[in-house]
Amino acid sequence: MFDRYLICEETARNVTEGGKTTGFQFGARIAYYRGLGLSMVEGIGVSVDGEAVPSENIRFTVTGGTFTLAQMETEYEARWEFGEVATVTVLKPGGLAAGEHKIELTEQMRIAYLPFPLTGRDTKVVRIG
């Protein structure tokens, strides 16, 4: 529904912890016109420059905390609200090289009144400084 607004390309950056670059992250908006509990977000997929990121290397941060995709399946308290920019972090030693990268984001959500999962997709070229 809001596919072209999912990736916030200006937020893309490498993540450094303890002096080491451990991955990269970017902001993401929900592809639905209402907020959802995290247990209803059935999948977050990321690919970079055409290469899919394994789901175990993805972390999702929203107001309620930071979660693995497996933890989101049973997270009943935290919500992702419409308009809220969540942070998607990809664990990748060394992060991304400086320059432009094509990021693809897929969000799959379970909506109570829809007989099929709602899927949103966005692709953006981001610049890592």
Protein backbone atom coordinates (compact mmCIF):
# COMPACT_ATOMS: atom_id res chain seq x y z
CA MET A 1 0.00 0.00 0.00
CA PHE A 2 2.79 2.42 0.95
CA ASP A 3 5.59 0.52 -0.74
CA ARG A 4 7.59 3.44 -2.07
CA TYR A 5 7.91 4.88 1.44
CA LEU A 6 9.17 1.80 3.30
CA ILE A 7 12.94 2.37 3.18
CA CYS A 8 14.24 5.63 4.67
CA GLU A 9 17.37 5.85 2.52
CA GLU A 10 18.82 8.85 4.36
CA THR A 11 19.19 6.72 7.52
CA ALA A 12 21.45 4.03 6.01
CA ARG A 13 24.78 3.69 7.77
CA ASN A 14 27.31 1.18 9.05
CA VAL A 15 27.12 0.14 12.70
CA THR A 16 30.27 0.21 14.83
CA GLU A 17 30.49 -1.47 18.23
CA GLY A 18 33.66 -1.58 20.31
CA GLY A 19 35.70 -0.11 17.47
CA LYS A 20 34.58 -2.80 14.98
CA THR A 21 32.07 -2.40 12.16
CA THR A 22 29.54 -5.15 12.86
CA GLY A 23 26.92 -4.47 10.20
CA PHE A 24 24.68 -1.80 8.75
CA GLN A 25 21.23 -0.43 9.39
CA PHE A 26 18.46 1.65 7.88
CA GLY A 27 15.06 3.00 8.84
CA ALA A 28 11.86 1.30 7.70
CA ARG A 29 8.18 2.22 7.78
CA ILE A 30 5.29 -0.24 7.95
CA ALA A 31 3.49 -1.13 4.70
CA TYR A 32 0.05 -0.88 6.28
CA TYR A 33 -2.22 2.00 7.19
CA ARG A 34 -2.46 0.97 10.84
CA GLY A 35 -0.03 -0.21 13.48
CA LEU A 36 0.44 -3.90 14.27
CA GLY A 37 1.73 -5.97 17.13
CA LEU A 38 5.11 -7.46 16.23
CA SER A 39 3.74 -11.01 16.34
CA MET A 40 1.64 -10.08 13.30
CA VAL A 41 4.71 -9.11 11.28
CA GLU A 42 5.38 -12.51 9.74
CA GLY A 43 8.55 -11.64 7.89
CA ILE A 44 11.16 -9.00 7.20
CA GLY A 45 13.41 -9.76 4.24
CA VAL A 46 16.46 -7.79 3.18
CA SER A 47 18.75 -8.13 0.18
CA VAL A 48 21.75 -5.98 -0.62
CA ASP A 49 23.11 -5.66 -4.14
CA GLY A 50 21.04 -8.69 -5.15
CA GLU A 51 22.23 -10.94 -2.31
CA ALA A 52 19.62 -12.09 0.24
CA VAL A 53 20.46 -11.61 3.91
CA PRO A 54 19.85 -14.71 6.09
CA SER A 55 16.95 -14.02 8.47
CA GLU A 56 19.09 -14.89 11.51
CA ASN A 57 21.31 -11.87 10.65
CA ILE A 58 18.42 -9.38 10.82
CA ARG A 59 17.49 -7.39 13.93
CA PHE A 60 14.41 -5.21 14.22
CA THR A 61 14.25 -2.24 16.60
CA VAL A 62 11.04 -0.44 17.44
CA THR A 63 9.90 1.49 20.52
CA GLY A 64 9.46 -1.76 22.50
CA GLY A 65 13.08 -2.91 22.02
CA THR A 66 15.30 -4.86 19.64
CA PHE A 67 14.22 -8.29 18.41
CA THR A 68 15.38 -11.12 16.20
CA LEU A 69 12.79 -12.20 13.64
CA ALA A 70 12.22 -15.38 15.67
CA GLN A 71 11.54 -13.33 18.82
CA MET A 72 9.01 -11.19 16.95
CA GLU A 73 6.82 -14.26 16.38
CA THR A 74 5.91 -14.35 20.07
CA GLU A 75 6.22 -10.64 20.96
CA TYR A 76 2.75 -9.58 22.10
CA GLU A 77 3.53 -6.27 23.82
CA ALA A 78 5.59 -4.23 21.32
CA ARG A 79 3.87 -2.61 18.37
CA TRP A 80 5.00 -1.03 15.11
CA GLU A 81 2.81 2.01 14.56
CA PHE A 82 1.93 3.67 11.27
CA GLY A 83 4.43 6.45 10.55
CA GLU A 84 6.94 5.11 13.07
CA VAL A 85 10.40 4.54 11.63
CA ALA A 86 11.76 1.24 12.89
CA THR A 87 15.44 0.33 12.52
CA VAL A 88 16.45 -2.74 10.54
CA THR A 89 19.97 -3.85 11.42
CA VAL A 90 21.88 -6.43 9.38
CA LEU A 91 24.75 -8.23 11.09
CA LYS A 92 27.58 -8.27 8.56
CA PRO A 93 31.21 -8.11 9.70
CA GLY A 94 32.80 -5.06 8.08
CA GLY A 95 29.41 -3.59 7.14
CA LEU A 96 28.99 -2.20 3.65
CA ALA A 97 31.77 -0.66 1.61
CA ALA A 98 31.62 3.09 1.06
CA GLY A 99 29.52 4.05 -1.95
CA GLU A 100 26.13 3.16 -3.37
CA HIS A 101 24.23 -0.05 -2.61
CA LYS A 102 20.85 -1.33 -3.70
CA ILE A 103 18.75 -2.36 -0.69
CA GLU A 104 15.53 -4.32 -1.09
CA LEU A 105 13.10 -4.67 1.81
CA THR A 106 10.13 -7.03 1.99
CA GLU A 107 7.59 -6.93 4.81
CA GLN A 108 4.97 -9.62 5.24
CA MET A 109 2.11 -9.03 7.68
CA ARG A 110 -0.90 -10.97 8.92
CA ILE A 111 -4.01 -8.82 8.90
CA ALA A 112 -7.06 -10.26 10.72
CA TYR A 113 -9.63 -9.41 8.05
CA LEU A 114 -7.55 -10.33 4.98
CA PRO A 115 -7.53 -13.96 3.76
CA PHE A 116 -3.95 -13.57 2.52
CA PRO A 117 -0.74 -12.09 3.96
CA LEU A 118 -0.15 -8.43 3.10
CA THR A 119 3.26 -7.97 1.49
CA GLY A 120 5.05 -4.67 0.99
CA ARG A 121 8.24 -4.24 -1.05
CA ASP A 122 10.60 -1.35 -1.58
CA THR A 123 13.95 -0.94 -3.30
CA LYS A 124 16.23 2.02 -2.83
CA VAL A 125 19.80 2.92 -3.69
CA VAL A 126 21.53 4.14 -0.55
CA ARG A 127 24.91 5.75 -0.04
CA ILE A 128 27.25 4.65 2.71
CA GLY A 129 29.72 7.40 3.62
